[in-house]
């Protein structure tokens, strides 16, 4: 959180403005369908990314800001004072895990982040060509549009690597987990298969247990391992709608992620966060209860 002049800190979740996205389009001929609940695909994808990225940790409400301002430079932050209303702005920051990974790879420059995982090297570039640097602020409206754009980009990558029929057969929670995975794993990595088949190949075949076994991004820096393993675990759980498939490779990957997290000094807390996020996302409660029991057995060597 930040404290600049009369800026109010903002600790609540983004709320409906972030979770409600663009409605999915109806396909094919018009049909009369009764008792069907329509799923806003953009909203559920935004939901998992919001739960994982937690952009509200780097947000504040500035008051007295003109409505047409999308960017506040760090040097100008103090000029905004108390008034009757305010707007949420997200601070551009450098994640410590990202910093450690880039340092381990001996890469120059920092990867800056804003909102729900929108990144850029040294700056965030907006559609109008404006560059926003570390310490600057981006309005929630613009951050949301950046998130929408990024999801469309990841979705295009997914569509380009699997058949259209496969894409249509994906359940929403499966697609959300894959798009979340694409936030951390590059397209080229998901195409590679040192052993067996690639992530996309297993997805094409509908081999869900083997897809689950592929949620395994390894960080370049040890300091980032627990956090990334937590994300691997969450994606794995959400992809299975709370369930870990009874397949050796899927179970082995599950055990590996749990053990990596548990070895961290805050391992118990991180594992509880993983379960909580999967629960908030809305996975099947019975499946999740069974998976939670498996985690307990692993961490207690039972």
Protein backbone atom coordinates (compact mmCIF):
# COMPACT_ATOMS: atom_id res chain seq x y z
CA UNK A 1 0.00 0.00 0.00
CA UNK A 2 1.03 3.60 -0.48
CA UNK A 3 0.56 6.88 1.32
CA UNK A 4 0.98 10.03 -0.73
CA UNK A 5 -0.51 13.26 0.64
CA UNK A 6 -4.25 12.74 1.06
CA UNK A 7 -4.36 9.60 -1.09
CA UNK A 8 -6.63 6.93 0.30
CA UNK A 9 -5.34 3.37 0.28
CA UNK A 10 -7.52 0.82 -1.44
CA UNK A 11 -7.67 -2.69 -0.06
CA UNK A 12 -10.84 -4.19 -1.45
CA UNK A 13 -11.08 -6.46 -4.49
CA UNK A 14 -11.81 -4.88 -7.81
CA UNK A 15 -15.45 -5.88 -7.71
CA UNK A 16 -17.89 -6.27 -10.56
CA UNK A 17 -16.22 -3.69 -12.78
CA UNK A 18 -13.28 -6.06 -13.25
CA UNK A 19 -15.14 -9.35 -13.18
CA UNK A 20 -17.72 -8.40 -15.80
CA UNK A 21 -16.27 -8.52 -19.30
CA UNK A 22 -17.49 -8.98 -22.80
CA UNK A 23 -20.31 -11.45 -23.38
CA UNK A 24 -19.51 -14.48 -25.47
CA UNK A 25 -21.21 -14.59 -28.86
CA UNK A 26 -23.80 -17.19 -29.76
CA UNK A 27 -22.65 -19.62 -32.45
CA UNK A 28 -24.62 -21.47 -35.11
CA UNK A 29 -28.34 -21.32 -35.91
CA UNK A 30 -30.79 -19.70 -33.53
CA UNK A 31 -32.18 -22.19 -31.01
CA UNK A 32 -34.64 -22.04 -28.17
CA UNK A 33 -32.81 -23.35 -25.11
CA UNK A 34 -34.45 -23.47 -21.70
CA UNK A 35 -32.86 -23.57 -18.25
CA UNK A 36 -29.36 -22.75 -19.50
CA UNK A 37 -27.11 -20.39 -17.57
CA UNK A 38 -24.90 -18.40 -19.94
CA UNK A 39 -21.27 -18.01 -18.90
CA UNK A 40 -19.47 -14.78 -19.56
CA UNK A 41 -16.15 -16.26 -20.64
CA UNK A 42 -14.22 -13.03 -20.31
CA UNK A 43 -15.50 -12.55 -16.77
CA UNK A 44 -14.37 -15.96 -15.53
CA UNK A 45 -10.92 -15.57 -17.09
CA UNK A 46 -10.60 -12.15 -15.48
CA UNK A 47 -11.71 -13.65 -12.20
CA UNK A 48 -8.92 -16.23 -12.00
CA UNK A 49 -6.31 -13.69 -13.09
CA UNK A 50 -7.56 -11.20 -10.50
CA UNK A 51 -7.37 -13.84 -7.78
CA UNK A 52 -3.85 -14.82 -8.82
CA UNK A 53 -2.36 -11.44 -9.67
CA UNK A 54 -3.98 -9.32 -6.94
CA UNK A 55 -3.60 -5.94 -8.58
CA UNK A 56 -5.37 -4.31 -5.60
CA UNK A 57 -2.16 -4.72 -3.57
CA UNK A 58 -0.67 -1.90 -5.63
CA UNK A 59 -3.64 0.42 -5.86
CA UNK A 60 -4.83 3.67 -4.33
CA UNK A 61 -7.76 6.04 -4.65
CA UNK A 62 -6.72 9.49 -5.79
CA UNK A 63 -9.25 12.24 -5.20
CA UNK A 64 -9.67 15.41 -7.18
CA UNK A 65 -8.42 13.82 -10.39
CA UNK A 66 -10.11 15.00 -13.61
CA UNK A 67 -12.13 12.20 -15.19
CA UNK A 68 -10.23 12.26 -18.48
CA UNK A 69 -6.83 11.57 -16.86
CA UNK A 70 -5.61 8.00 -17.41
CA UNK A 71 -2.04 8.33 -16.16
CA UNK A 72 -0.58 10.08 -13.12
CA UNK A 73 3.18 10.52 -13.13
CA UNK A 74 4.95 9.75 -9.85
CA UNK A 75 6.14 13.36 -9.53
CA UNK A 76 2.56 14.65 -9.81
CA UNK A 77 0.95 12.28 -7.29
CA UNK A 78 1.07 14.68 -4.34
CA UNK A 79 -0.92 17.42 -6.05
CA UNK A 80 -4.23 15.57 -5.80
CA UNK A 81 -6.13 16.30 -2.62
CA UNK A 82 -9.33 15.33 -0.85
CA UNK A 83 -12.66 15.93 -2.60
CA UNK A 84 -16.08 14.34 -2.86
CA UNK A 85 -15.09 11.49 -5.12
CA UNK A 86 -12.09 9.49 -6.23
CA UNK A 87 -10.95 6.90 -8.72
CA UNK A 88 -8.80 3.79 -8.36
CA UNK A 89 -5.34 4.00 -9.89
CA UNK A 90 -2.81 1.15 -10.10
CA UNK A 91 0.83 1.73 -9.35
CA UNK A 92 3.40 0.47 -11.85
CA UNK A 93 5.89 -1.63 -9.90
CA UNK A 94 8.74 -4.11 -10.31
CA UNK A 95 7.96 -7.53 -8.84
CA UNK A 96 10.74 -8.94 -6.69
CA UNK A 97 10.33 -12.44 -8.16
CA UNK A 98 10.58 -11.05 -11.70
CA UNK A 99 13.63 -9.04 -10.67
CA UNK A 100 15.33 -12.15 -9.25
CA UNK A 101 14.56 -14.20 -12.35
CA UNK A 102 15.92 -11.56 -14.71
CA UNK A 103 19.02 -11.17 -12.55
CA UNK A 104 19.60 -14.94 -12.62
CA UNK A 105 19.31 -14.92 -16.41
CA UNK A 106 21.62 -11.86 -16.58
CA UNK A 107 19.00 -9.89 -18.48
CA UNK A 108 19.16 -6.10 -18.54
CA UNK A 109 16.26 -3.88 -17.55
CA UNK A 110 13.33 -4.48 -15.22
CA UNK A 111 10.03 -6.09 -16.03
CA UNK A 112 7.44 -3.63 -14.76
CA UNK A 113 3.92 -4.74 -13.86
CA UNK A 114 0.57 -3.07 -13.40
CA UNK A 115 -2.85 -4.34 -12.35
CA UNK A 116 -3.60 -7.99 -13.03
CA UNK A 117 -0.23 -9.08 -14.39
CA UNK A 118 0.21 -6.71 -17.32
CA UNK A 119 3.96 -6.49 -17.91
CA UNK A 120 6.43 -4.61 -20.06
CA UNK A 121 10.18 -4.14 -20.17
CA UNK A 122 11.04 -0.89 -18.32
CA UNK A 123 7.62 0.65 -19.07
CA UNK A 124 3.99 -0.10 -19.86
CA UNK A 125 3.03 1.13 -23.31
CA UNK A 126 -0.55 2.32 -23.71
CA UNK A 127 -2.54 2.23 -26.94
CA UNK A 128 -2.00 5.95 -27.57
CA UNK A 129 1.77 5.53 -27.38
CA UNK A 130 2.13 6.88 -23.83
CA UNK A 131 4.82 5.14 -21.78
CA UNK A 132 4.24 4.64 -18.06
CA UNK A 133 7.21 3.82 -15.82
CA UNK A 134 7.80 2.37 -12.36
CA UNK A 135 6.20 4.56 -9.70
CA UNK A 136 3.63 6.07 -12.09
CA UNK A 137 -0.09 5.27 -11.86
CA UNK A 138 -2.58 3.95 -14.44
CA UNK A 139 -6.33 4.36 -13.98
CA UNK A 140 -8.39 1.24 -13.31
CA UNK A 141 -10.26 1.85 -16.58
CA UNK A 142 -7.08 1.63 -18.62
CA UNK A 143 -5.72 -1.26 -16.54
CA UNK A 144 -8.92 -3.18 -17.23
CA UNK A 145 -8.63 -2.54 -20.98
CA UNK A 146 -5.00 -3.74 -20.86
CA UNK A 147 -6.13 -6.93 -19.11
CA UNK A 148 -8.86 -7.51 -21.70
CA UNK A 149 -6.37 -7.01 -24.51
CA UNK A 150 -3.90 -9.40 -22.88
CA UNK A 151 -6.54 -12.11 -22.43
CA UNK A 152 -7.50 -11.81 -26.11
CA UNK A 153 -3.82 -12.16 -27.01
CA UNK A 154 -3.43 -15.34 -24.92
CA UNK A 155 -6.72 -16.68 -26.27
CA UNK A 156 -5.47 -16.14 -29.84
CA UNK A 157 -2.33 -18.13 -29.01
CA UNK A 158 -4.47 -20.96 -27.65
CA UNK A 159 -6.71 -20.97 -30.74
CA UNK A 160 -3.69 -20.95 -33.05
CA UNK A 161 -2.25 -24.10 -31.46
CA UNK A 162 -5.30 -26.34 -31.16
CA UNK A 163 -8.13 -27.26 -33.51
CA UNK A 164 -11.30 -25.18 -33.42
CA UNK A 165 -13.30 -28.27 -32.46
CA UNK A 166 -10.96 -28.85 -29.49
CA UNK A 167 -11.26 -25.22 -28.41
CA UNK A 168 -15.07 -25.43 -28.42
CA UNK A 169 -15.00 -28.62 -26.36
CA UNK A 170 -12.95 -27.05 -23.56
CA UNK A 171 -14.95 -26.50 -20.40
CA UNK A 172 -14.71 -22.95 -19.12
CA UNK A 173 -12.60 -23.82 -16.09
CA UNK A 174 -10.20 -25.78 -18.34
CA UNK A 175 -9.82 -22.83 -20.68
CA UNK A 176 -9.34 -20.39 -17.80
CA UNK A 177 -6.57 -22.55 -16.31
CA UNK A 178 -4.82 -22.78 -19.69
CA UNK A 179 -5.03 -19.01 -20.28
CA UNK A 180 -3.70 -18.41 -16.78
CA UNK A 181 -0.86 -20.81 -17.56
CA UNK A 182 -0.08 -18.85 -20.73
CA UNK A 183 0.55 -15.82 -18.54
CA UNK A 184 3.69 -17.52 -17.26
CA UNK A 185 4.63 -20.02 -19.98
CA UNK A 186 5.54 -18.83 -23.46
CA UNK A 187 4.01 -20.34 -26.57
CA UNK A 188 7.32 -21.91 -27.61
CA UNK A 189 7.64 -23.73 -24.28
CA UNK A 190 4.17 -25.23 -24.62
CA UNK A 191 5.06 -26.47 -28.10
CA UNK A 192 8.18 -28.28 -26.89
CA UNK A 193 8.19 -31.90 -25.77
CA UNK A 194 11.56 -33.12 -24.39
CA UNK A 195 9.74 -36.33 -23.45
CA UNK A 196 6.43 -37.57 -24.78
CA UNK A 197 4.10 -35.00 -26.29
CA UNK A 198 3.74 -31.26 -25.84
CA UNK A 199 1.16 -29.42 -23.76
CA UNK A 200 -0.81 -28.43 -26.85
CA UNK A 201 -0.67 -31.98 -28.26
CA UNK A 202 -2.13 -33.48 -25.10
CA UNK A 203 -4.77 -30.76 -25.08
CA UNK A 204 -5.65 -31.61 -28.69
CA UNK A 205 -6.02 -35.29 -27.81
CA UNK A 206 -8.24 -34.50 -24.85
CA UNK A 207 -5.74 -36.24 -22.57
CA UNK A 208 -6.67 -34.14 -19.54
CA UNK A 209 -4.53 -35.99 -17.01
CA UNK A 210 -1.40 -35.43 -19.12
CA UNK A 211 -2.32 -31.76 -19.56
CA UNK A 212 -2.52 -31.57 -15.77
CA UNK A 213 0.96 -33.09 -15.54
CA UNK A 214 2.32 -30.25 -17.68
CA UNK A 215 1.45 -27.43 -15.25
CA UNK A 216 5.05 -27.24 -14.14
CA UNK A 217 6.88 -23.99 -14.80
CA UNK A 218 10.29 -23.93 -13.13
CA UNK A 219 11.69 -20.50 -12.16
CA UNK A 220 15.22 -19.35 -12.89
CA UNK A 221 15.62 -18.00 -9.35
CA UNK A 222 15.17 -20.06 -6.17
CA UNK A 223 13.41 -17.14 -4.48
CA UNK A 224 10.56 -17.37 -7.00
CA UNK A 225 10.06 -21.12 -6.72
CA UNK A 226 7.38 -21.28 -4.01
CA UNK A 227 5.22 -18.56 -5.56
CA UNK A 228 5.39 -20.09 -9.01
CA UNK A 229 4.71 -23.57 -7.63
CA UNK A 230 1.62 -22.16 -5.92
CA UNK A 231 0.43 -20.88 -9.26
CA UNK A 232 1.20 -24.21 -10.94
CA UNK A 233 -0.84 -25.95 -8.25
CA UNK A 234 -3.78 -23.57 -8.60
CA UNK A 235 -3.87 -23.95 -12.37
CA UNK A 236 -3.65 -27.72 -11.98
CA UNK A 237 -6.54 -27.79 -9.50
CA UNK A 238 -8.75 -25.43 -11.50
CA UNK A 239 -8.12 -27.36 -14.73
CA UNK A 240 -9.45 -30.48 -13.00
CA UNK A 241 -12.38 -28.57 -11.45
CA UNK A 242 -10.88 -29.22 -8.02
CA UNK A 243 -9.75 -32.73 -8.85
CA UNK A 244 -6.35 -34.32 -9.46
CA UNK A 245 -6.69 -37.04 -12.10
CA UNK A 246 -5.77 -40.61 -11.16
CA UNK A 247 -2.82 -40.72 -13.51
CA UNK A 248 0.80 -41.25 -12.41
CA UNK A 249 2.18 -38.19 -14.21
CA UNK A 250 -0.63 -35.92 -12.98
CA UNK A 251 -0.28 -37.18 -9.39
CA UNK A 252 3.52 -36.89 -9.52
CA UNK A 253 3.28 -33.27 -10.66
CA UNK A 254 0.72 -32.54 -7.95
CA UNK A 255 2.99 -34.01 -5.26
CA UNK A 256 5.99 -32.12 -6.63
CA UNK A 257 4.23 -28.74 -6.54
CA UNK A 258 2.90 -29.35 -3.01
CA UNK A 259 6.34 -30.36 -1.71
CA UNK A 260 8.03 -27.33 -3.28
CA UNK A 261 5.51 -25.01 -1.66
CA UNK A 262 5.66 -26.80 1.68
CA UNK A 263 9.47 -26.48 1.81
CA UNK A 264 9.12 -22.70 1.94
CA UNK A 265 9.14 -21.00 5.35
CA UNK A 266 5.57 -19.83 4.67
CA UNK A 267 4.58 -23.07 2.97
CA UNK A 268 1.48 -23.79 5.06
CA UNK A 269 0.12 -20.30 4.41
CA UNK A 270 0.84 -20.56 0.67
CA UNK A 271 -0.94 -23.92 0.43
CA UNK A 272 -3.95 -22.49 2.27
CA UNK A 273 -3.96 -19.58 -0.19
CA UNK A 274 -3.97 -22.02 -3.12
CA UNK A 275 -7.01 -23.83 -1.72
CA UNK A 276 -8.74 -20.53 -0.95
CA UNK A 277 -8.20 -19.19 -4.47
CA UNK A 278 -9.51 -22.40 -6.05
CA UNK A 279 -12.53 -22.16 -3.76
CA UNK A 280 -13.18 -18.50 -4.61
CA UNK A 281 -12.87 -19.30 -8.31
CA UNK A 282 -15.69 -21.79 -7.83
CA UNK A 283 -14.30 -25.29 -8.41
CA UNK A 284 -16.34 -28.30 -7.31
CA UNK A 285 -16.38 -28.33 -3.49
CA UNK A 286 -16.36 -32.13 -3.14
CA UNK A 287 -13.40 -32.49 -5.49
CA UNK A 288 -11.59 -29.71 -3.66
CA UNK A 289 -12.21 -31.32 -0.26
CA UNK A 290 -10.64 -34.53 -1.55
CA UNK A 291 -7.67 -32.64 -3.00
CA UNK A 292 -7.22 -30.73 0.26
CA UNK A 293 -7.03 -34.05 2.12
CA UNK A 294 -4.36 -35.25 -0.32
CA UNK A 295 -2.32 -32.10 0.35
CA UNK A 296 -2.61 -32.73 4.08
CA UNK A 297 -1.33 -36.29 3.66
CA UNK A 298 1.62 -35.15 1.54
CA UNK A 299 2.68 -32.39 3.93
CA UNK A 300 2.37 -34.70 6.94
CA UNK A 301 4.02 -37.69 5.24
CA UNK A 302 0.95 -39.87 5.63
